[in-house]
Amino acid sequence: MGDFANSSLLFDAVSQVDRFVTVFIGVYTLMIFAYILTSWIRLPYSPWLNRIQRFLYDVSEPYLRLFRRFIPPLGSIDLSPVVAVIVLQIFQRLVSAVLDTLH
């Protein structure tokens, strides 16, 4: 009976971690897309819009800067966000695969 309870707790913990990683990466990807959109569009001045844009910059830019070191822009096109999102998706799949082996 104790082994069943322990395996049930492990299964629940593994599925919770997998769900957390999936949601976190999904939200972070949306933040990167929102940051890209707000950098393309000239927003009217508003303290709230400025705070949101600054938050998106502070959250997204450190991660994107990692890729900008290695991927030079092609003219005015910056491909680092595309590569960054692909790496996030690959990481999410690797974490899911590793957690699936724990089931």
Protein backbone atom coordinates (compact mmCIF):
# COMPACT_ATOMS: atom_id res chain seq x y z
CA MET A 1 0.00 0.00 0.00
CA GLY A 2 2.87 2.39 0.80
CA ASP A 3 4.55 1.81 -2.57
CA PHE A 4 1.36 2.70 -4.40
CA ALA A 5 1.00 5.93 -2.42
CA ASN A 6 4.63 6.88 -3.08
CA SER A 7 4.36 6.19 -6.80
CA SER A 8 1.11 8.13 -6.92
CA LEU A 9 2.78 11.12 -5.24
CA LEU A 10 5.75 10.90 -7.63
CA PHE A 11 3.42 10.72 -10.64
CA ASP A 12 1.50 13.76 -9.38
CA ALA A 13 4.71 15.73 -8.72
CA VAL A 14 6.12 14.88 -12.14
CA SER A 15 2.92 15.90 -13.92
CA GLN A 16 2.78 19.15 -11.92
CA VAL A 17 6.38 20.01 -12.86
CA ASP A 18 5.68 19.19 -16.50
CA ARG A 19 2.56 21.37 -16.46
CA PHE A 20 4.47 24.23 -14.78
CA VAL A 21 7.28 24.12 -17.35
CA THR A 22 4.81 24.00 -20.22
CA VAL A 23 2.80 26.96 -18.93
CA PHE A 24 5.92 28.97 -18.02
CA ILE A 25 7.46 28.54 -21.46
CA GLY A 26 4.13 29.35 -23.13
CA VAL A 27 3.76 32.57 -21.13
CA TYR A 28 7.40 33.54 -21.72
CA THR A 29 6.98 32.96 -25.46
CA LEU A 30 3.91 35.21 -25.46
CA MET A 31 5.91 37.87 -23.62
CA ILE A 32 8.64 37.70 -26.25
CA PHE A 33 6.04 38.10 -29.01
CA ALA A 34 4.43 41.03 -27.17
CA TYR A 35 7.86 42.64 -26.76
CA ILE A 36 8.56 42.25 -30.47
CA LEU A 37 5.18 43.75 -31.41
CA THR A 38 5.58 46.71 -29.06
CA SER A 39 9.04 47.37 -30.46
CA TRP A 40 7.63 47.55 -34.01
CA ILE A 41 4.60 49.70 -33.24
CA ARG A 42 4.88 53.29 -32.09
CA LEU A 43 2.64 53.43 -29.03
CA PRO A 44 1.10 56.69 -27.83
CA TYR A 45 2.63 58.04 -24.66
CA SER A 46 0.91 56.71 -21.60
CA PRO A 47 2.46 55.93 -18.23
CA TRP A 48 0.74 52.51 -18.20
CA LEU A 49 1.82 51.59 -21.72
CA ASN A 50 5.33 52.77 -20.92
CA ARG A 51 5.43 50.55 -17.80
CA ILE A 52 4.15 47.54 -19.73
CA GLN A 53 6.66 48.09 -22.51
CA ARG A 54 9.47 48.49 -19.97
CA PHE A 55 8.38 45.29 -18.18
CA LEU A 56 8.40 43.36 -21.47
CA TYR A 57 11.85 44.77 -22.23
CA ASP A 58 13.22 43.83 -18.79
CA VAL A 59 11.83 40.30 -19.02
CA SER A 60 12.64 39.49 -22.66
CA GLU A 61 15.82 41.34 -23.46
CA PRO A 62 18.30 39.40 -21.25
CA TYR A 63 17.26 36.10 -22.88
CA LEU A 64 17.25 37.55 -26.39
CA ARG A 65 20.68 39.13 -25.82
CA LEU A 66 22.14 35.63 -25.47
CA PHE A 67 21.18 34.89 -29.06
CA ARG A 68 22.08 38.31 -30.44
CA ARG A 69 25.70 37.60 -29.53
CA PHE A 70 25.80 34.75 -32.03
CA ILE A 71 23.20 35.69 -34.64
CA PRO A 72 23.94 38.95 -36.42
CA PRO A 73 20.96 40.91 -37.76
CA LEU A 74 20.27 40.59 -41.48
CA GLY A 75 19.88 44.24 -42.39
CA SER A 76 16.95 45.46 -40.35
CA ILE A 77 15.69 41.92 -39.61
CA ASP A 78 16.59 40.41 -36.24
CA LEU A 79 16.24 36.63 -36.25
CA SER A 80 17.29 36.14 -32.64
CA PRO A 81 13.68 36.10 -31.28
CA VAL A 82 12.76 33.32 -33.71
CA VAL A 83 15.76 31.24 -32.66
CA ALA A 84 15.09 32.02 -28.98
CA VAL A 85 11.49 30.78 -29.22
CA ILE A 86 12.60 27.63 -31.08
CA VAL A 87 15.16 26.92 -28.34
CA LEU A 88 12.45 27.40 -25.69
CA GLN A 89 10.20 24.90 -27.47
CA ILE A 90 13.03 22.38 -27.79
CA PHE A 91 13.81 22.81 -24.09
CA GLN A 92 10.18 22.24 -23.18
CA ARG A 93 10.07 19.03 -25.22
CA LEU A 94 13.31 17.79 -23.64
CA VAL A 95 11.98 18.44 -20.14
CA SER A 96 8.74 16.66 -21.00
CA ALA A 97 10.64 13.68 -22.39
CA VAL A 98 12.82 13.43 -19.29
CA LEU A 99 9.81 13.72 -17.00
CA ASP A 100 7.96 11.06 -19.00
CA THR A 101 10.76 8.62 -18.21
CA LEU A 102 10.03 9.15 -14.49
CA HIS A 103 6.44 7.91 -14.83
